[in-house]
Amino acid sequence: MYLTKEKKEEIFEKHGNGKNDTGSAEGQIALFTHRIAHLSEHLKKNRKDYNSERSLVRLVGKRRSLLDYLMKKDIMRYRAIVKELGLRK
């Protein structure tokens, strides 16, 4: 499995408020970004894997929704996470 419990805790500790804070928007956005990067690499090798392609599109949509929520809620947190993860609109 590509995403172990330790890796998840590391992502939430770095971007969230702690390793057990799985509900924060920043932590979820960081986790989605990690999963999107993994699926993108997978799809470069397996072009005809349409189920993974659909999953990737859904993850990108979820991340976009969370980013939109964060932008409306607190623009400074939004700018910080976008800069930290290197995302673009």
PDB file of N, CA and C in Angstrom:
ATOM      1  N   MET A   1       0.842  -1.175   0.000  1.00  0.00           N
ATOM      2  CA  MET A   1       0.000   0.000   0.000  1.00  0.00           C
ATOM      3  C   MET A   1       0.891   1.244   0.000  1.00  0.00           C
ATOM      4  N   TYR A   2       0.546   2.206  -0.795  1.00  0.00           N
ATOM      5  CA  TYR A   2       1.385   3.384  -0.969  1.00  0.00           C
ATOM      6  C   TYR A   2       1.253   4.387   0.163  1.00  0.00           C
ATOM      7  N   LEU A   3       0.162   4.358   0.918  1.00  0.00           N
ATOM      8  CA  LEU A   3      -0.074   5.342   1.967  1.00  0.00           C
ATOM      9  C   LEU A   3      -0.212   4.618   3.303  1.00  0.00           C
ATOM     10  N   THR A   4       0.861   4.583   4.068  1.00  0.00           N
ATOM     11  CA  THR A   4       0.840   3.900   5.355  1.00  0.00           C
ATOM     12  C   THR A   4       0.294   4.832   6.431  1.00  0.00           C
ATOM     13  N   LYS A   5       0.005   4.238   7.570  1.00  0.00           N
ATOM     14  CA  LYS A   5      -0.513   5.008   8.697  1.00  0.00           C
ATOM     15  C   LYS A   5       0.498   6.072   9.130  1.00  0.00           C
ATOM     16  N   GLU A   6       1.777   5.712   9.109  1.00  0.00           N
ATOM     17  CA  GLU A   6       2.816   6.644   9.526  1.00  0.00           C
ATOM     18  C   GLU A   6       2.915   7.829   8.561  1.00  0.00           C
ATOM     19  N   LYS A   7       2.778   7.552   7.266  1.00  0.00           N
ATOM     20  CA  LYS A   7       2.842   8.620   6.260  1.00  0.00           C
ATOM     21  C   LYS A   7       1.665   9.585   6.429  1.00  0.00           C
ATOM     22  N   LYS A   8       0.476   9.021   6.698  1.00  0.00           N
ATOM     23  CA  LYS A   8      -0.700   9.857   6.930  1.00  0.00           C
ATOM     24  C   LYS A   8      -0.502  10.749   8.149  1.00  0.00           C
ATOM     25  N   GLU A   9      -0.003  10.155   9.234  1.00  0.00           N
ATOM     26  CA  GLU A   9       0.230  10.936  10.449  1.00  0.00           C
ATOM     27  C   GLU A   9       1.252  12.044  10.197  1.00  0.00           C
ATOM     28  N   GLU A  10       2.255  11.720   9.391  1.00  0.00           N
ATOM     29  CA  GLU A  10       3.280  12.716   9.062  1.00  0.00           C
ATOM     30  C   GLU A  10       2.669  13.883   8.278  1.00  0.00           C
ATOM     31  N   ILE A  11       1.797  13.581   7.330  1.00  0.00           N
ATOM     32  CA  ILE A  11       1.146  14.628   6.535  1.00  0.00           C
ATOM     33  C   ILE A  11       0.283  15.512   7.431  1.00  0.00           C
ATOM     34  N   PHE A  12      -0.518  14.876   8.310  1.00  0.00           N
ATOM     35  CA  PHE A  12      -1.399  15.659   9.179  1.00  0.00           C
ATOM     36  C   PHE A  12      -0.615  16.446  10.224  1.00  0.00           C
ATOM     37  N   GLU A  13       0.515  15.906  10.674  1.00  0.00           N
ATOM     38  CA  GLU A  13       1.326  16.632  11.648  1.00  0.00           C
ATOM     39  C   GLU A  13       1.982  17.851  11.014  1.00  0.00           C
ATOM     40  N   LYS A  14       2.410  17.708   9.752  1.00  0.00           N
ATOM     41  CA  LYS A  14       3.086  18.803   9.068  1.00  0.00           C
ATOM     42  C   LYS A  14       2.122  19.904   8.651  1.00  0.00           C
ATOM     43  N   HIS A  15       0.954  19.539   8.157  1.00  0.00           N
ATOM     44  CA  HIS A  15       0.033  20.526   7.585  1.00  0.00           C
ATOM     45  C   HIS A  15      -1.179  20.813   8.459  1.00  0.00           C
ATOM     46  N   GLY A  16      -1.517  19.897   9.357  1.00  0.00           N
ATOM     47  CA  GLY A  16      -2.671  20.111  10.222  1.00  0.00           C
ATOM     48  C   GLY A  16      -2.248  20.691  11.553  1.00  0.00           C
ATOM     49  N   ASN A  17      -3.089  20.498  12.561  1.00  0.00           N
ATOM     50  CA  ASN A  17      -2.781  20.995  13.899  1.00  0.00           C
ATOM     51  C   ASN A  17      -2.155  19.925  14.777  1.00  0.00           C
ATOM     52  N   GLY A  18      -1.931  18.747  14.235  1.00  0.00           N
ATOM     53  CA  GLY A  18      -1.341  17.636  14.970  1.00  0.00           C
ATOM     54  C   GLY A  18      -1.610  16.352  14.219  1.00  0.00           C
ATOM     55  N   LYS A  19      -0.968  15.258  14.657  1.00  0.00           N
ATOM     56  CA  LYS A  19      -1.122  14.026  13.886  1.00  0.00           C
ATOM     57  C   LYS A  19      -2.507  13.412  14.015  1.00  0.00           C
ATOM     58  N   ASN A  20      -3.256  13.792  15.041  1.00  0.00           N
ATOM     59  CA  ASN A  20      -4.609  13.254  15.211  1.00  0.00           C
ATOM     60  C   ASN A  20      -5.688  14.197  14.688  1.00  0.00           C
ATOM     61  N   ASP A  21      -5.293  15.350  14.185  1.00  0.00           N
ATOM     62  CA  ASP A  21      -6.254  16.322  13.666  1.00  0.00           C
ATOM     63  C   ASP A  21      -6.497  16.044  12.184  1.00  0.00           C
ATOM     64  N   THR A  22      -7.334  15.054  11.918  1.00  0.00           N
ATOM     65  CA  THR A  22      -7.584  14.654  10.531  1.00  0.00           C
ATOM     66  C   THR A  22      -8.694  15.463   9.886  1.00  0.00           C
ATOM     67  N   GLY A  23      -9.349  16.318  10.640  1.00  0.00           N
ATOM     68  CA  GLY A  23     -10.481  17.050  10.099  1.00  0.00           C
ATOM     69  C   GLY A  23     -10.156  18.437   9.582  1.00  0.00           C
ATOM     70  N   SER A  24      -8.949  18.915   9.827  1.00  0.00           N
ATOM     71  CA  SER A  24      -8.628  20.269   9.389  1.00  0.00           C
ATOM     72  C   SER A  24      -8.558  20.334   7.871  1.00  0.00           C
ATOM     73  N   ALA A  25      -8.953  21.445   7.331  1.00  0.00           N
ATOM     74  CA  ALA A  25      -8.968  21.609   5.874  1.00  0.00           C
ATOM     75  C   ALA A  25      -7.558  21.504   5.296  1.00  0.00           C
ATOM     76  N   GLU A  26      -6.588  22.083   5.991  1.00  0.00           N
ATOM     77  CA  GLU A  26      -5.210  22.034   5.492  1.00  0.00           C
ATOM     78  C   GLU A  26      -4.689  20.607   5.414  1.00  0.00           C
ATOM     79  N   GLY A  27      -4.969  19.817   6.451  1.00  0.00           N
ATOM     80  CA  GLY A  27      -4.534  18.426   6.465  1.00  0.00           C
ATOM     81  C   GLY A  27      -5.168  17.618   5.354  1.00  0.00           C
ATOM     82  N   GLN A  28      -6.466  17.818   5.145  1.00  0.00           N
ATOM     83  CA  GLN A  28      -7.162  17.085   4.092  1.00  0.00           C
ATOM     84  C   GLN A  28      -6.660  17.493   2.710  1.00  0.00           C
ATOM     85  N   ILE A  29      -6.414  18.775   2.513  1.00  0.00           N
ATOM     86  CA  ILE A  29      -5.898  19.252   1.229  1.00  0.00           C
ATOM     87  C   ILE A  29      -4.527  18.646   0.959  1.00  0.00           C
ATOM     88  N   ALA A  30      -3.684  18.585   1.989  1.00  0.00           N
ATOM     89  CA  ALA A  30      -2.350  17.996   1.830  1.00  0.00           C
ATOM     90  C   ALA A  30      -2.449  16.507   1.511  1.00  0.00           C
ATOM     91  N   LEU A  31      -3.366  15.799   2.171  1.00  0.00           N
ATOM     92  CA  LEU A  31      -3.553  14.377   1.899  1.00  0.00           C
ATOM     93  C   LEU A  31      -4.058  14.157   0.476  1.00  0.00           C
ATOM     94  N   PHE A  32      -5.031  14.956   0.051  1.00  0.00           N
ATOM     95  CA  PHE A  32      -5.536  14.845  -1.323  1.00  0.00           C
ATOM     96  C   PHE A  32      -4.432  15.134  -2.328  1.00  0.00           C
ATOM     97  N   THR A  33      -3.572  16.104  -2.031  1.00  0.00           N
ATOM     98  CA  THR A  33      -2.475  16.447  -2.935  1.00  0.00           C
ATOM     99  C   THR A  33      -1.506  15.272  -3.069  1.00  0.00           C
ATOM    100  N   HIS A  34      -1.229  14.606  -1.956  1.00  0.00           N
ATOM    101  CA  HIS A  34      -0.352  13.433  -1.999  1.00  0.00           C
ATOM    102  C   HIS A  34      -0.974  12.321  -2.842  1.00  0.00           C
ATOM    103  N   ARG A  35      -2.261  12.075  -2.639  1.00  0.00           N
ATOM    104  CA  ARG A  35      -2.953  11.026  -3.399  1.00  0.00           C
ATOM    105  C   ARG A  35      -3.049  11.382  -4.881  1.00  0.00           C
ATOM    106  N   ILE A  36      -3.267  12.659  -5.185  1.00  0.00           N
ATOM    107  CA  ILE A  36      -3.344  13.107  -6.582  1.00  0.00           C
ATOM    108  C   ILE A  36      -1.998  12.893  -7.275  1.00  0.00           C
ATOM    109  N   ALA A  37      -0.921  13.213  -6.585  1.00  0.00           N
ATOM    110  CA  ALA A  37       0.414  13.014  -7.168  1.00  0.00           C
ATOM    111  C   ALA A  37       0.662  11.538  -7.443  1.00  0.00           C
ATOM    112  N   HIS A  38       0.237  10.685  -6.509  1.00  0.00           N
ATOM    113  CA  HIS A  38       0.420   9.239  -6.699  1.00  0.00           C
ATOM    114  C   HIS A  38      -0.392   8.728  -7.890  1.00  0.00           C
ATOM    115  N   LEU A  39      -1.642   9.148  -7.977  1.00  0.00           N
ATOM    116  CA  LEU A  39      -2.491   8.707  -9.094  1.00  0.00           C
ATOM    117  C   LEU A  39      -1.993   9.252 -10.433  1.00  0.00           C
ATOM    118  N   SER A  40      -1.459  10.454 -10.433  1.00  0.00           N
ATOM    119  CA  SER A  40      -0.927  11.028 -11.676  1.00  0.00           C
ATOM    120  C   SER A  40       0.239  10.200 -12.197  1.00  0.00           C
ATOM    121  N   GLU A  41       1.127   9.787 -11.287  1.00  0.00           N
ATOM    122  CA  GLU A  41       2.256   8.936 -11.688  1.00  0.00           C
ATOM    123  C   GLU A  41       1.755   7.592 -12.204  1.00  0.00           C
ATOM    124  N   HIS A  42       0.743   7.043 -11.546  1.00  0.00           N
ATOM    125  CA  HIS A  42       0.174   5.764 -11.972  1.00  0.00           C
ATOM    126  C   HIS A  42      -0.414   5.867 -13.382  1.00  0.00           C
ATOM    127  N   LEU A  43      -1.102   6.964 -13.638  1.00  0.00           N
ATOM    128  CA  LEU A  43      -1.754   7.129 -14.939  1.00  0.00           C
ATOM    129  C   LEU A  43      -0.760   7.408 -16.065  1.00  0.00           C
ATOM    130  N   LYS A  44       0.427   7.907 -15.731  1.00  0.00           N
ATOM    131  CA  LYS A  44       1.444   8.087 -16.770  1.00  0.00           C
ATOM    132  C   LYS A  44       1.904   6.742 -17.307  1.00  0.00           C
ATOM    133  N   LYS A  45       1.900   5.733 -16.440  1.00  0.00           N
ATOM    134  CA  LYS A  45       2.325   4.391 -16.846  1.00  0.00           C
ATOM    135  C   LYS A  45       1.164   3.571 -17.406  1.00  0.00           C
ATOM    136  N   ASN A  46      -0.042   3.828 -16.917  1.00  0.00           N
ATOM    137  CA  ASN A  46      -1.223   3.036 -17.279  1.00  0.00           C
ATOM    138  C   ASN A  46      -2.284   3.951 -17.885  1.00  0.00           C
ATOM    139  N   ARG A  47      -2.105   4.283 -19.149  1.00  0.00           N
ATOM    140  CA  ARG A  47      -2.968   5.274 -19.790  1.00  0.00           C
ATOM    141  C   ARG A  47      -4.432   4.852 -19.855  1.00  0.00           C
ATOM    142  N   LYS A  48      -4.697   3.563 -19.946  1.00  0.00           N
ATOM    143  CA  LYS A  48      -6.073   3.110 -20.159  1.00  0.00           C
ATOM    144  C   LYS A  48      -6.789   2.706 -18.876  1.00  0.00           C
ATOM    145  N   ASP A  49      -6.257   3.083 -17.753  1.00  0.00           N
ATOM    146  CA  ASP A  49      -6.895   2.779 -16.476  1.00  0.00           C
ATOM    147  C   ASP A  49      -7.937   3.868 -16.188  1.00  0.00           C
ATOM    148  N   TYR A  50      -9.110   3.678 -16.732  1.00  0.00           N
ATOM    149  CA  TYR A  50     -10.140   4.715 -16.671  1.00  0.00           C
ATOM    150  C   TYR A  50     -10.752   4.852 -15.278  1.00  0.00           C
ATOM    151  N   ASN A  51     -10.755   3.784 -14.496  1.00  0.00           N
ATOM    152  CA  ASN A  51     -11.284   3.888 -13.133  1.00  0.00           C
ATOM    153  C   ASN A  51     -10.390   4.779 -12.275  1.00  0.00           C
ATOM    154  N   SER A  52      -9.096   4.632 -12.413  1.00  0.00           N
ATOM    155  CA  SER A  52      -8.181   5.501 -11.668  1.00  0.00           C
ATOM    156  C   SER A  52      -8.267   6.932 -12.167  1.00  0.00           C
ATOM    157  N   GLU A  53      -8.499   7.095 -13.452  1.00  0.00           N
ATOM    158  CA  GLU A  53      -8.648   8.440 -14.013  1.00  0.00           C
ATOM    159  C   GLU A  53      -9.871   9.134 -13.418  1.00  0.00           C
ATOM    160  N   ARG A  54     -10.952   8.383 -13.274  1.00  0.00           N
ATOM    161  CA  ARG A  54     -12.165   8.936 -12.681  1.00  0.00           C
ATOM    162  C   ARG A  54     -11.921   9.302 -11.214  1.00  0.00           C
ATOM    163  N   SER A  55     -11.204   8.435 -10.506  1.00  0.00           N
ATOM    164  CA  SER A  55     -10.871   8.720  -9.109  1.00  0.00           C
ATOM    165  C   SER A  55     -10.024   9.982  -8.985  1.00  0.00           C
ATOM    166  N   LEU A  56      -9.097  10.153  -9.914  1.00  0.00           N
ATOM    167  CA  LEU A  56      -8.250  11.342  -9.911  1.00  0.00           C
ATOM    168  C   LEU A  56      -9.087  12.598 -10.106  1.00  0.00           C
ATOM    169  N   VAL A  57     -10.012  12.565 -11.035  1.00  0.00           N
ATOM    170  CA  VAL A  57     -10.864  13.731 -11.299  1.00  0.00           C
ATOM    171  C   VAL A  57     -11.711  14.059 -10.072  1.00  0.00           C
ATOM    172  N   ARG A  58     -12.231  13.027  -9.396  1.00  0.00           N
ATOM    173  CA  ARG A  58     -13.028  13.252  -8.194  1.00  0.00           C
ATOM    174  C   ARG A  58     -12.181  13.854  -7.072  1.00  0.00           C
ATOM    175  N   LEU A  59     -10.951  13.364  -6.924  1.00  0.00           N
ATOM    176  CA  LEU A  59     -10.065  13.905  -5.887  1.00  0.00           C
ATOM    177  C   LEU A  59      -9.722  15.362  -6.153  1.00  0.00           C
ATOM    178  N   VAL A  60      -9.467  15.686  -7.405  1.00  0.00           N
ATOM    179  CA  VAL A  60      -9.164  17.077  -7.755  1.00  0.00           C
ATOM    180  C   VAL A  60     -10.365  17.966  -7.432  1.00  0.00           C
ATOM    181  N   GLY A  61     -11.563  17.477  -7.710  1.00  0.00           N
ATOM    182  CA  GLY A  61     -12.776  18.237  -7.389  1.00  0.00           C
ATOM    183  C   GLY A  61     -12.958  18.434  -5.898  1.00  0.00           C
ATOM    184  N   LYS A  62     -12.687  17.389  -5.116  1.00  0.00           N
ATOM    185  CA  LYS A  62     -12.796  17.504  -3.667  1.00  0.00           C
ATOM    186  C   LYS A  62     -11.793  18.509  -3.121  1.00  0.00           C
ATOM    187  N   ARG A  63     -10.551  18.436  -3.639  1.00  0.00           N
ATOM    188  CA  ARG A  63      -9.526  19.365  -3.188  1.00  0.00           C
ATOM    189  C   ARG A  63      -9.908  20.796  -3.551  1.00  0.00           C
ATOM    190  N   ARG A  64     -10.433  20.985  -4.758  1.00  0.00           N
ATOM    191  CA  ARG A  64     -10.849  22.318  -5.191  1.00  0.00           C
ATOM    192  C   ARG A  64     -11.958  22.851  -4.287  1.00  0.00           C
ATOM    193  N   SER A  65     -12.910  21.992  -3.915  1.00  0.00           N
ATOM    194  CA  SER A  65     -13.995  22.414  -3.026  1.00  0.00           C
ATOM    195  C   SER A  65     -13.456  22.837  -1.664  1.00  0.00           C
ATOM    196  N   LEU A  66     -12.518  22.064  -1.127  1.00  0.00           N
ATOM    197  CA  LEU A  66     -11.929  22.420   0.158  1.00  0.00           C
ATOM    198  C   LEU A  66     -11.145  23.729   0.059  1.00  0.00           C
ATOM    199  N   LEU A  67     -10.424  23.909  -1.038  1.00  0.00           N
ATOM    200  CA  LEU A  67      -9.683  25.160  -1.225  1.00  0.00           C
ATOM    201  C   LEU A  67     -10.631  26.351  -1.335  1.00  0.00           C
ATOM    202  N   ASP A  68     -11.747  26.180  -2.036  1.00  0.00           N
ATOM    203  CA  ASP A  68     -12.737  27.259  -2.140  1.00  0.00           C
ATOM    204  C   ASP A  68     -13.323  27.590  -0.768  1.00  0.00           C
ATOM    205  N   TYR A  69     -13.618  26.546   0.006  1.00  0.00           N
ATOM    206  CA  TYR A  69     -14.146  26.749   1.361  1.00  0.00           C
ATOM    207  C   TYR A  69     -13.145  27.530   2.207  1.00  0.00           C
ATOM    208  N   LEU A  70     -11.876  27.104   2.138  1.00  0.00           N
ATOM    209  CA  LEU A  70     -10.849  27.747   2.940  1.00  0.00           C
ATOM    210  C   LEU A  70     -10.633  29.199   2.512  1.00  0.00           C
ATOM    211  N   MET A  71     -10.757  29.468   1.211  1.00  0.00           N
ATOM    212  CA  MET A  71     -10.590  30.825   0.710  1.00  0.00           C
ATOM    213  C   MET A  71     -11.701  31.732   1.243  1.00  0.00           C
ATOM    214  N   LYS A  72     -12.933  31.217   1.315  1.00  0.00           N
ATOM    215  CA  LYS A  72     -14.042  32.016   1.842  1.00  0.00           C
ATOM    216  C   LYS A  72     -13.933  32.187   3.352  1.00  0.00           C
ATOM    217  N   LYS A  73     -13.441  31.152   4.031  1.00  0.00           N
ATOM    218  CA  LYS A  73     -13.396  31.149   5.488  1.00  0.00           C
ATOM    219  C   LYS A  73     -12.232  31.988   6.034  1.00  0.00           C
ATOM    220  N   ASP A  74     -11.028  31.749   5.497  1.00  0.00           N
ATOM    221  CA  ASP A  74      -9.836  32.444   6.006  1.00  0.00           C
ATOM    222  C   ASP A  74      -8.800  32.523   4.883  1.00  0.00           C
ATOM    223  N   ILE A  75      -8.680  33.674   4.269  1.00  0.00           N
ATOM    224  CA  ILE A  75      -7.829  33.847   3.087  1.00  0.00           C
ATOM    225  C   ILE A  75      -6.355  33.644   3.419  1.00  0.00           C
ATOM    226  N   MET A  76      -5.930  33.967   4.640  1.00  0.00           N
ATOM    227  CA  MET A  76      -4.520  33.802   5.001  1.00  0.00           C
ATOM    228  C   MET A  76      -4.136  32.326   5.091  1.00  0.00           C
ATOM    229  N   ARG A  77      -5.017  31.498   5.664  1.00  0.00           N
ATOM    230  CA  ARG A  77      -4.758  30.049   5.712  1.00  0.00           C
ATOM    231  C   ARG A  77      -4.741  29.469   4.311  1.00  0.00           C
ATOM    232  N   TYR A  78      -5.628  29.965   3.443  1.00  0.00           N
ATOM    233  CA  TYR A  78      -5.668  29.513   2.051  1.00  0.00           C
ATOM    234  C   TYR A  78      -4.356  29.827   1.345  1.00  0.00           C
ATOM    235  N   ARG A  79      -3.899  31.056   1.480  1.00  0.00           N
ATOM    236  CA  ARG A  79      -2.650  31.454   0.811  1.00  0.00           C
ATOM    237  C   ARG A  79      -1.458  30.659   1.343  1.00  0.00           C
ATOM    238  N   ALA A  80      -1.468  30.384   2.646  1.00  0.00           N
ATOM    239  CA  ALA A  80      -0.359  29.637   3.252  1.00  0.00           C
ATOM    240  C   ALA A  80      -0.298  28.208   2.714  1.00  0.00           C
ATOM    241  N   ILE A  81      -1.441  27.529   2.628  1.00  0.00           N
ATOM    242  CA  ILE A  81      -1.440  26.127   2.180  1.00  0.00           C
ATOM    243  C   ILE A  81      -1.135  26.046   0.691  1.00  0.00           C
ATOM    244  N   VAL A  82      -1.616  26.993  -0.096  1.00  0.00           N
ATOM    245  CA  VAL A  82      -1.337  26.996  -1.532  1.00  0.00           C
ATOM    246  C   VAL A  82       0.156  27.208  -1.778  1.00  0.00           C
ATOM    247  N   LYS A  83       0.743  28.111  -1.011  1.00  0.00           N
ATOM    248  CA  LYS A  83       2.184  28.382  -1.175  1.00  0.00           C
ATOM    249  C   LYS A  83       3.002  27.174  -0.703  1.00  0.00           C
ATOM    250  N   GLU A  84       2.595  26.589   0.407  1.00  0.00           N
ATOM    251  CA  GLU A  84       3.329  25.460   0.990  1.00  0.00           C
ATOM    252  C   GLU A  84       3.312  24.230   0.082  1.00  0.00           C
ATOM    253  N   LEU A  85       2.169  23.961  -0.545  1.00  0.00           N
ATOM    254  CA  LEU A  85       2.032  22.772  -1.396  1.00  0.00           C
ATOM    255  C   LEU A  85       2.389  23.064  -2.855  1.00  0.00           C
ATOM    256  N   GLY A  86       2.537  24.339  -3.196  1.00  0.00           N
ATOM    257  CA  GLY A  86       2.890  24.687  -4.572  1.00  0.00           C
ATOM    258  C   GLY A  86       1.742  24.475  -5.543  1.00  0.00           C
ATOM    259  N   LEU A  87       0.533  24.785  -5.094  1.00  0.00           N
ATOM    260  CA  LEU A  87      -0.652  24.629  -5.949  1.00  0.00           C
ATOM    261  C   LEU A  87      -0.890  25.894  -6.746  1.00  0.00           C
ATOM    262  N   ARG A  88      -1.676  25.772  -7.786  1.00  0.00           N
ATOM    263  CA  ARG A  88      -2.068  26.932  -8.575  1.00  0.00           C
ATOM    264  C   ARG A  88      -3.546  26.820  -8.867  1.00  0.00           C
ATOM    265  N   LYS A  89      -4.169  27.926  -9.140  1.00  0.00           N
ATOM    266  CA  LYS A  89      -5.623  27.954  -9.383  1.00  0.00           C
ATOM    267  C   LYS A  89      -5.959  27.310 -10.700  1.00  0.00           C
TER     268      LYS A  89
END
